[in-house]
Every structure is written in structure tokens, then in C-alpha cells.
Amino acid sequence: MPASSSENREELAGFDLLLGGFQRACDAVGGSLDQYIKIGEFTVCLRFAGDGLRPYISPALAHLCIAPTPVPDLTICLWDTVSTNTPPAPLLTWLCQSIRMRPLEHLSPRQEIRTLSNARVPAAFEMGAGVLSMLDTQQGIAVYWVHDATALPYYEQGAPLRTILNWWLSGHNFQCVHAGAVGTAEGGVLLTGKGGSGKSTTALACLASELLYVSDDYCLFTNEPRPYVYSLYNTAKLNGLRDLQRQPQFLPMIHNADQLGQEKLMMFLARHMAHKLRPGFPLKAILLPCVTGNVATKLTPITAGLALRALAPTSLFQLPGSAQRSFLHMGQLVRQLPCYQLELGSDLSAIPDTILRLLAAGGGSGDA
């Protein structure tokens, strides 16, 4: 799998080294295992070197699986050193070690590697997860490496490959965002706000209603020809014991129950509630959930500017890529849709009812 012809070798030098490591890993374990998924209108081939990493990446994407396709739009090559006994090239191994010791010298605020990234090949090292990612934007080939698959933190297992997907999809006029989405086949709402604002509470409360689930944390949208949201992951999260006590029906679904009190509780809904998952729908409104302590749930209209201030900062900080282009996409989205604050009451059953009334009114009624 050559990265390119002989031109632009300097631009591709780091990428060639990382891709060469993947090829050596495949040789060491007897080949690759391919899994195909569809995200929006795009097909993606996940090419694993052996089976060591796959159980930690695939569950969050299982609802997007499709039959193999001859020419995928994007191919992502994945491997870990421990299961394949194959480290990256010495130069990249040294670089990752140096980044860990002196991250400010090597990384941008969004963890892009200054010495490796260029216009064609962005590169990032995610400090918490220990993931090295690179993408050849012209060829549609990416490489994802981690030292030990079993050490991947829960948040990376719940939303894997988001850096690579954001790089590639943003180049095709799609934008990844830190947001949830619920609705029906005819249309739905985007749920935005900083962590702890109530996005997950809102999305999970809707699972007991006729509303369908696209996301509670990360999703993908496009503005053209109309605002439309797509699912990336079937992961759902509870913040901890208190949330679980309020929604005990989710206890049998918890994937990491042994980590209660140590990390957010994570569920893969494709395993338990596949019928509630929706690949996407048109967007009718943007909601900013907030916990009020009141009994009733209600909607209050807000400005597009307030919605953008809730949507943009966490998305821009958590997802490397072109900040200017991403901000423009999000700004266009909030200007096209009515925006509301969703004041969450203590009666969780009222949350989906409030959203359903809004959708029945076409997304534009402030009296839902």
C-alpha cells in the first residue's frame, strides 16, 4: 500500500514511516482484518493489523457496519504495538516519548504535532489516550497507532477515531461536533452545551419515548442542501451513580460497571437497543439543555449567538482541524435553525414530551 508516487516525499515522510509500521505489524500477525462502515454518505474501511485493537474500536461503530465495498472513500489502518509486537519506526517512537515529556514544545493547543503536520498530512498525538493519528488527505488513507490496546481509556473506546474522521469529513463539507441529537425520521434536534449541561440526560430520557437516538456526545452535521445530522457512535454515557439511580433501567447495559466511581459509565446501545438507533435525520432546532432543579421542563427561545457560544468552544477544543472552517460551519448552522434553552425538570418523562411537541410544531414554536 504505497502512500503515493515519488512526488512530495518530504511532505509525506512522517506518514510513510507510520504507514510502514502498520504494514510491518500486518506481516507480523499474518495480515489484516477489514471492517466496513458507512458514515453519512461515505464508506470507510477500518483495516486492523490482527485482532488486538479491534475489540476496543469496533463496538462504538457497530451500528454503522456494512458489507465490504470495492473502493471505500476512506481507509484507516489501525494497530497497537503490544498485540503485534511491532513498534513504530524509531524516529516516531522517540517523538512520542519526547511529546510525553515536553508536550508544549511539540503540540498545538489541540494536540496537533507541529513538526509533522502540514497542509496535506495532519498529525496529532492525543496525550490522554496515547494515540498517534495521521491522514493523507489526498489519498484518503489514515493511520492510527497506540502502544497498548488494552490501555485505551473509556472515552477513546466510546468515541474512537474522532480526530481522523473530523480531519477527513471537514474536507468534504461535513462537521463533527461535540453534541447530542434525538428525533424522528422526519426531523430532530441538536443538543449542545458544555460537559455536564444535561445532553446525556436528555438523550437517554428520550430512549423511553418514540424519539430515536443519534448521539449524546459526538455527531456529524452538514448544512447543505439543508441542516442534517448523522450518527457517529452508538455510545451512551451516564455521569455516575447518581445518574444511574435516576435511571436504573440502564444498569444491565453498562459496559464498564467495574469502574463505577472512576469514570463515566458507558453503554453501547447497538447491543441492547438497536431499534432506537437512527443513522440521521433533518435538523429542526438546536437545544441547550440545563438542569434547573424545577419539576417542569420547558423551552425558552435564545439567540443564534448564544447557541454558537455553547456549540463551538468544546467542539473546537476537542477536535483538531481547521478552526476557521469549523467555526464557519457551526455559525451557518445556528443561523438556519431556531434555538432554545431546554430547562430540564426533575420529571424525566416530560423531556421527550417537550421535544416531541416542538417537532410537531415544526421546530419553531417557543411555547412547547
Protein backbone atom coordinates (compact mmCIF):
# COMPACT_ATOMS: atom_id res chain seq x y z
CA MET A 1 0.00 0.00 0.00
CA PRO A 2 2.34 2.80 -1.13
CA ALA A 3 1.45 6.19 0.27
CA SER A 4 1.95 7.97 -3.07
CA SER A 5 4.21 8.26 -6.07
CA SER A 6 7.65 9.82 -5.74
CA GLU A 7 6.49 13.45 -5.63
CA ASN A 8 6.12 15.29 -2.31
CA ARG A 9 8.17 12.70 -0.41
CA GLU A 10 9.29 15.25 2.18
CA GLU A 11 5.69 16.24 2.83
CA LEU A 12 4.80 12.56 3.31
CA ALA A 13 7.91 11.41 5.18
CA GLY A 14 6.29 11.08 8.60
CA PHE A 15 3.18 9.47 7.15
CA ASP A 16 5.28 6.93 5.21
CA LEU A 17 7.06 5.97 8.43
CA LEU A 18 3.79 5.40 10.29
CA LEU A 19 2.18 3.51 7.40
CA GLY A 20 5.31 1.36 7.15
CA GLY A 21 4.87 0.42 10.80
CA PHE A 22 1.32 -0.72 10.10
CA GLN A 23 2.50 -2.85 7.19
CA ARG A 24 5.15 -4.47 9.39
CA ALA A 25 2.51 -5.14 12.03
CA CYS A 26 0.31 -6.87 9.43
CA ASP A 27 3.25 -9.02 8.36
CA ALA A 28 3.93 -9.95 11.99
CA VAL A 29 0.38 -11.19 12.65
CA GLY A 30 -0.36 -12.75 9.27
CA GLY A 31 -2.37 -9.99 7.61
CA SER A 32 -5.17 -7.51 8.25
CA LEU A 33 -8.82 -7.77 9.27
CA ASP A 34 -11.15 -5.35 7.47
CA GLN A 35 -14.40 -3.88 8.74
CA TYR A 36 -16.55 -1.52 6.67
CA ILE A 37 -18.80 1.20 7.99
CA LYS A 38 -20.92 3.95 6.44
CA ILE A 39 -20.94 7.43 7.93
CA GLY A 40 -23.45 9.66 6.24
CA GLU A 41 -22.86 9.18 2.53
CA PHE A 42 -19.28 7.95 2.91
CA THR A 43 -17.88 4.42 3.19
CA VAL A 44 -14.90 3.78 5.47
CA CYS A 45 -12.68 0.70 5.66
CA LEU A 46 -11.19 0.00 9.09
CA ARG A 47 -8.10 -2.13 8.39
CA PHE A 48 -6.81 -3.74 11.60
CA ALA A 49 -3.41 -5.41 11.92
CA GLY A 50 -4.63 -8.54 13.66
CA ASP A 51 -7.42 -8.64 16.22
CA GLY A 52 -5.75 -7.00 19.21
CA LEU A 53 -7.15 -3.49 18.72
CA ARG A 54 -10.47 -4.28 17.07
CA PRO A 55 -12.48 -5.12 20.26
CA TYR A 56 -11.67 -1.67 21.62
CA ILE A 57 -12.61 0.27 18.49
CA SER A 58 -15.49 -1.59 16.82
CA PRO A 59 -18.25 -1.59 19.47
CA ALA A 60 -18.91 2.15 19.25
CA LEU A 61 -19.19 1.90 15.45
CA ALA A 62 -21.07 -1.42 15.20
CA HIS A 63 -24.37 0.19 14.17
CA LEU A 64 -22.70 1.63 11.04
CA CYS A 65 -21.34 -1.68 9.69
CA ILE A 66 -21.97 -2.51 6.04
CA ALA A 67 -20.87 -5.17 3.57
CA PRO A 68 -17.39 -4.76 2.04
CA THR A 69 -17.16 -2.21 -0.74
CA PRO A 70 -14.52 -2.33 -3.52
CA VAL A 71 -13.40 1.30 -3.26
CA PRO A 72 -14.05 2.93 0.14
CA ASP A 73 -13.90 6.68 0.41
CA LEU A 74 -11.52 6.47 3.35
CA THR A 75 -9.25 3.68 4.64
CA ILE A 76 -7.99 3.80 8.23
CA CYS A 77 -5.08 1.48 9.12
CA LEU A 78 -5.01 0.58 12.82
CA TRP A 79 -2.53 -1.25 15.02
CA ASP A 80 -1.12 -1.42 18.52
CA THR A 81 2.40 -2.42 19.45
CA VAL A 82 1.65 -4.86 22.28
CA SER A 83 -0.62 -7.26 20.37
CA THR A 84 1.51 -7.20 17.20
CA ASN A 85 4.95 -6.88 18.83
CA THR A 86 5.60 -4.10 16.31
CA PRO A 87 6.61 -0.60 17.42
CA PRO A 88 6.56 2.39 15.07
CA ALA A 89 9.77 3.46 13.36
CA PRO A 90 12.46 4.54 15.85
CA LEU A 91 12.07 8.21 14.91
CA LEU A 92 8.34 8.15 15.67
CA THR A 93 8.88 6.19 18.88
CA TRP A 94 11.37 8.83 20.00
CA LEU A 95 8.96 11.62 19.01
CA CYS A 96 6.07 10.14 21.03
CA GLN A 97 8.36 9.81 24.06
CA SER A 98 9.57 13.38 23.64
CA ILE A 99 5.98 14.65 23.33
CA ARG A 100 5.05 12.97 26.60
CA MET A 101 7.98 14.62 28.39
CA ARG A 102 7.67 18.07 26.75
CA PRO A 103 4.18 18.38 25.20
CA LEU A 104 4.23 22.17 24.95
CA GLU A 105 7.28 22.03 22.68
CA HIS A 106 5.60 19.70 20.20
CA LEU A 107 1.83 20.10 20.35
CA SER A 108 -0.61 22.84 19.47
CA PRO A 109 -3.40 23.54 22.00
CA ARG A 110 -5.49 20.95 20.10
CA GLN A 111 -2.71 18.30 20.23
CA GLU A 112 -1.61 18.64 16.60
CA ILE A 113 2.10 17.79 16.15
CA ARG A 114 3.78 20.91 14.82
CA THR A 115 6.83 19.16 13.33
CA LEU A 116 4.81 16.50 11.46
CA SER A 117 1.64 18.29 10.37
CA ASN A 118 1.35 20.01 7.01
CA ALA A 119 -1.43 21.05 4.67
CA ARG A 120 -1.70 17.59 3.10
CA VAL A 121 -0.93 15.39 6.10
CA PRO A 122 -2.25 16.50 9.51
CA ALA A 123 -0.82 14.66 12.52
CA ALA A 124 -1.91 14.57 16.15
CA PHE A 125 -0.86 12.89 19.39
CA GLU A 126 -3.63 12.64 21.97
CA MET A 127 -1.89 12.78 25.32
CA GLY A 128 -4.55 11.12 27.45
CA ALA A 129 -5.18 8.17 25.15
CA GLY A 130 -1.63 7.90 23.79
CA VAL A 131 -2.93 7.78 20.22
CA LEU A 132 -0.86 8.86 17.21
CA SER A 133 -3.01 9.72 14.18
CA MET A 134 -2.09 10.84 10.66
CA LEU A 135 -4.09 11.31 7.46
CA ASP A 136 -3.09 11.67 3.81
CA THR A 137 -5.95 13.91 2.75
CA GLN A 138 -5.29 13.46 -0.97
CA GLN A 139 -5.34 9.67 -0.98
CA GLY A 140 -7.94 9.11 1.73
CA ILE A 141 -5.64 6.88 3.83
CA ALA A 142 -5.13 7.34 7.57
CA VAL A 143 -3.07 5.55 10.20
CA TYR A 144 -3.97 5.13 13.88
CA TRP A 145 -1.45 3.77 16.38
CA VAL A 146 -1.48 3.16 20.11
CA HIS A 147 1.07 1.30 22.21
CA ASP A 148 -1.35 -0.99 24.08
CA ALA A 149 -4.97 -1.52 23.02
CA THR A 150 -5.96 -2.75 26.46
CA ALA A 151 -4.89 0.57 27.99
CA LEU A 152 -7.18 2.72 25.83
CA PRO A 153 -9.26 4.90 28.17
CA TYR A 154 -13.04 4.56 28.17
CA TYR A 155 -13.58 7.87 26.38
CA GLU A 156 -11.44 6.75 23.44
CA GLN A 157 -13.30 3.44 23.24
CA GLY A 158 -16.59 5.33 23.34
CA ALA A 159 -15.68 7.79 20.58
CA PRO A 160 -12.77 6.28 18.62
CA LEU A 161 -11.09 7.79 15.56
CA ARG A 162 -12.80 11.14 16.02
CA THR A 163 -9.64 13.10 15.15
CA ILE A 164 -9.14 11.28 11.84
CA LEU A 165 -12.84 11.40 10.99
CA ASN A 166 -13.04 15.11 11.72
CA TRP A 167 -9.99 15.87 9.55
CA TRP A 168 -11.34 13.92 6.62
CA LEU A 169 -15.03 14.78 6.85
CA SER A 170 -14.43 18.51 7.32
CA GLY A 171 -12.65 18.46 3.98
CA HIS A 172 -15.93 17.26 2.45
CA ASN A 173 -18.14 20.00 3.98
CA PHE A 174 -19.23 17.89 6.95
CA GLN A 175 -18.51 18.89 10.52
CA CYS A 176 -18.03 16.76 13.63
CA VAL A 177 -19.38 18.40 16.79
CA HIS A 178 -19.49 17.71 20.50
CA ALA A 179 -23.29 17.44 20.67
CA GLY A 180 -26.17 15.01 21.01
CA ALA A 181 -29.15 14.51 18.72
CA VAL A 182 -32.60 12.93 19.11
CA GLY A 183 -35.64 12.99 16.85
CA THR A 184 -37.75 11.05 14.39
CA ALA A 185 -37.21 10.03 10.79
CA GLU A 186 -38.83 13.33 9.78
CA GLY A 187 -36.58 15.53 11.87
CA GLY A 188 -34.91 16.12 15.20
CA VAL A 189 -32.94 18.45 17.45
CA LEU A 190 -29.27 19.01 18.19
CA LEU A 191 -28.37 19.04 21.90
CA THR A 192 -25.39 21.20 22.75
CA GLY A 193 -23.58 22.66 25.70
CA LYS A 194 -20.52 22.03 27.84
CA GLY A 195 -19.97 18.76 29.68
CA GLY A 196 -22.46 18.27 32.50
CA SER A 197 -25.10 20.53 30.98
CA GLY A 198 -27.59 17.71 30.51
CA LYS A 199 -27.01 16.46 26.95
CA SER A 200 -26.71 12.82 28.00
CA THR A 201 -29.59 13.07 30.47
CA THR A 202 -31.80 14.44 27.71
CA ALA A 203 -30.76 11.88 25.09
CA LEU A 204 -31.17 8.92 27.46
CA ALA A 205 -34.55 10.14 28.71
CA CYS A 206 -35.74 10.06 25.11
CA LEU A 207 -34.99 6.34 24.74
CA ALA A 208 -38.23 5.57 26.60
CA SER A 209 -40.27 7.54 24.07
CA GLU A 210 -40.95 7.38 20.35
CA LEU A 211 -37.92 9.57 19.73
CA LEU A 212 -34.87 7.95 18.12
CA TYR A 213 -31.24 8.31 19.12
CA VAL A 214 -28.34 9.62 17.03
CA SER A 215 -25.92 10.78 19.72
CA ASP A 216 -25.40 12.02 23.25
CA ASP A 217 -21.82 13.26 22.80
CA TYR A 218 -20.37 13.41 19.25
CA CYS A 219 -22.14 13.54 15.91
CA LEU A 220 -21.74 14.88 12.37
CA PHE A 221 -23.73 17.53 10.53
CA THR A 222 -23.89 19.19 7.17
CA ASN A 223 -25.59 22.44 6.15
CA GLU A 224 -26.13 21.57 2.50
CA PRO A 225 -28.65 21.30 0.98
CA ARG A 226 -30.31 21.60 4.42
CA PRO A 227 -29.18 21.04 8.00
CA TYR A 228 -28.86 17.30 8.58
CA VAL A 229 -27.26 15.33 11.43
CA TYR A 230 -25.61 11.89 11.17
CA SER A 231 -24.67 9.32 13.78
CA LEU A 232 -21.01 8.55 14.53
CA TYR A 233 -21.20 6.36 17.64
CA ASN A 234 -23.85 4.25 19.36
CA THR A 235 -22.25 5.03 22.72
CA ALA A 236 -24.27 6.48 25.59
CA LYS A 237 -22.92 7.66 28.95
CA LEU A 238 -24.09 8.19 32.50
CA ASN A 239 -22.10 10.55 34.69
CA GLY A 240 -22.05 8.20 37.66
CA LEU A 241 -24.01 6.58 40.46
CA ARG A 242 -26.43 9.48 40.85
CA ASP A 243 -27.49 9.30 37.20
CA LEU A 244 -27.75 5.52 37.43
CA GLN A 245 -30.02 5.82 40.47
CA ARG A 246 -32.30 8.15 38.50
CA GLN A 247 -32.33 5.77 35.50
CA PRO A 248 -31.78 2.27 36.96
CA GLN A 249 -33.17 0.60 33.82
CA PHE A 250 -29.73 1.10 32.25
CA LEU A 251 -27.83 -0.95 34.84
CA PRO A 252 -27.81 -4.21 32.77
CA MET A 253 -26.38 -2.30 29.79
CA ILE A 254 -23.34 -0.77 31.49
CA HIS A 255 -20.14 -1.85 29.75
CA ASN A 256 -17.69 -0.68 32.43
CA ALA A 257 -19.66 -1.24 35.65
CA ASP A 258 -16.44 -2.31 37.39
CA GLN A 259 -15.20 1.29 37.04
CA LEU A 260 -18.10 2.90 38.92
CA GLY A 261 -16.76 5.98 40.65
CA GLN A 262 -13.62 6.03 38.49
CA GLU A 263 -15.02 7.04 35.10
CA LYS A 264 -18.27 7.75 33.31
CA LEU A 265 -20.50 4.72 32.84
CA MET A 266 -20.65 3.70 29.20
CA MET A 267 -23.18 1.72 27.15
CA PHE A 268 -23.12 0.50 23.56
CA LEU A 269 -26.76 0.83 22.51
CA ALA A 270 -26.32 -1.33 19.41
CA ARG A 271 -26.05 -4.31 21.76
CA HIS A 272 -29.19 -3.56 23.76
CA MET A 273 -31.46 -1.05 21.97
CA ALA A 274 -30.56 -1.25 18.30
CA HIS A 275 -34.15 -0.43 17.33
CA LYS A 276 -33.75 3.04 18.89
CA LEU A 277 -30.74 3.99 16.77
CA ARG A 278 -31.13 6.23 13.75
CA PRO A 279 -28.38 6.94 11.18
CA GLY A 280 -29.55 10.53 10.85
CA PHE A 281 -32.37 12.98 10.20
CA PRO A 282 -33.00 16.61 9.17
CA LEU A 283 -32.40 19.13 11.93
CA LYS A 284 -35.33 21.29 13.03
CA ALA A 285 -33.90 23.12 16.07
CA ILE A 286 -30.94 23.48 18.43
CA LEU A 287 -31.48 22.97 22.16
CA LEU A 288 -29.21 23.94 25.05
CA PRO A 289 -30.13 21.68 27.99
CA CYS A 290 -29.64 23.00 31.50
CA VAL A 291 -30.52 21.45 34.85
CA THR A 292 -32.83 23.75 36.83
CA GLY A 293 -33.99 21.81 39.88
CA ASN A 294 -37.60 22.59 38.96
CA VAL A 295 -40.23 19.92 38.35
CA ALA A 296 -41.38 21.13 34.93
CA THR A 297 -39.38 21.05 31.69
CA LYS A 298 -39.80 24.00 29.33
CA LEU A 299 -38.28 25.71 26.31
CA THR A 300 -37.14 29.32 26.13
CA PRO A 301 -36.06 30.89 22.80
CA ILE A 302 -32.45 32.10 22.68
CA THR A 303 -30.30 33.86 20.10
CA ALA A 304 -28.15 32.16 17.50
CA GLY A 305 -25.13 33.79 19.13
CA LEU A 306 -25.82 32.13 22.46
CA ALA A 307 -26.26 28.76 20.73
CA LEU A 308 -22.95 29.21 18.89
CA ARG A 309 -21.16 30.04 22.15
CA ALA A 310 -22.46 26.76 23.56
CA LEU A 311 -21.65 24.66 20.48
CA ALA A 312 -18.33 25.99 19.23
CA PRO A 313 -15.84 26.05 22.14
CA THR A 314 -15.98 22.37 23.18
CA SER A 315 -16.13 21.19 19.57
CA LEU A 316 -13.16 23.31 18.52
CA PHE A 317 -11.10 22.36 21.56
CA GLN A 318 -11.76 18.61 21.40
CA LEU A 319 -11.48 18.09 17.64
CA PRO A 320 -8.25 19.03 15.80
CA GLY A 321 -8.66 20.51 12.35
CA SER A 322 -9.31 23.84 10.69
CA ALA A 323 -10.77 26.02 13.44
CA GLN A 324 -11.83 28.74 11.00
CA ARG A 325 -13.65 26.34 8.69
CA SER A 326 -15.30 24.54 11.62
CA PHE A 327 -16.46 27.81 13.16
CA LEU A 328 -17.97 28.93 9.86
CA HIS A 329 -19.88 25.63 9.53
CA MET A 330 -21.26 25.96 13.05
CA GLY A 331 -22.12 29.62 12.58
CA GLN A 332 -24.10 28.81 9.44
CA LEU A 333 -25.94 26.03 11.28
CA VAL A 334 -27.17 28.15 14.18
CA ARG A 335 -28.34 30.89 11.82
CA GLN A 336 -30.51 28.43 9.87
CA LEU A 337 -32.34 26.91 12.85
CA PRO A 338 -34.43 28.14 15.77
CA CYS A 339 -32.53 27.87 19.06
CA TYR A 340 -33.86 27.25 22.57
CA GLN A 341 -32.73 26.68 26.09
CA LEU A 342 -34.19 23.40 27.31
CA GLU A 343 -34.77 23.84 31.04
CA LEU A 344 -34.71 20.28 32.39
CA GLY A 345 -37.16 19.40 35.15
CA SER A 346 -36.96 16.58 37.66
CA ASP A 347 -39.69 14.62 35.85
CA LEU A 348 -37.59 12.92 33.16
CA SER A 349 -40.65 11.70 31.25
CA ALA A 350 -41.50 15.32 30.44
CA ILE A 351 -38.27 15.83 28.50
CA PRO A 352 -39.19 13.77 25.39
CA ASP A 353 -42.75 15.10 25.50
CA THR A 354 -41.41 18.66 25.34
CA ILE A 355 -39.19 17.83 22.37
CA LEU A 356 -41.98 15.98 20.57
CA ARG A 357 -44.29 19.00 20.90
CA LEU A 358 -41.57 21.22 19.48
CA LEU A 359 -41.07 18.91 16.50
CA ALA A 360 -44.82 18.64 15.93
CA ALA A 361 -44.88 22.43 15.71
CA GLY A 362 -42.18 22.33 13.04
CA GLY A 363 -39.35 23.31 15.37
CA GLY A 364 -40.36 26.95 15.50
CA SER A 365 -42.71 27.20 18.44
CA GLY A 366 -41.44 28.71 21.64
CA ASP A 367 -44.48 27.51 23.58
CA ALA A 368 -43.62 23.77 23.56
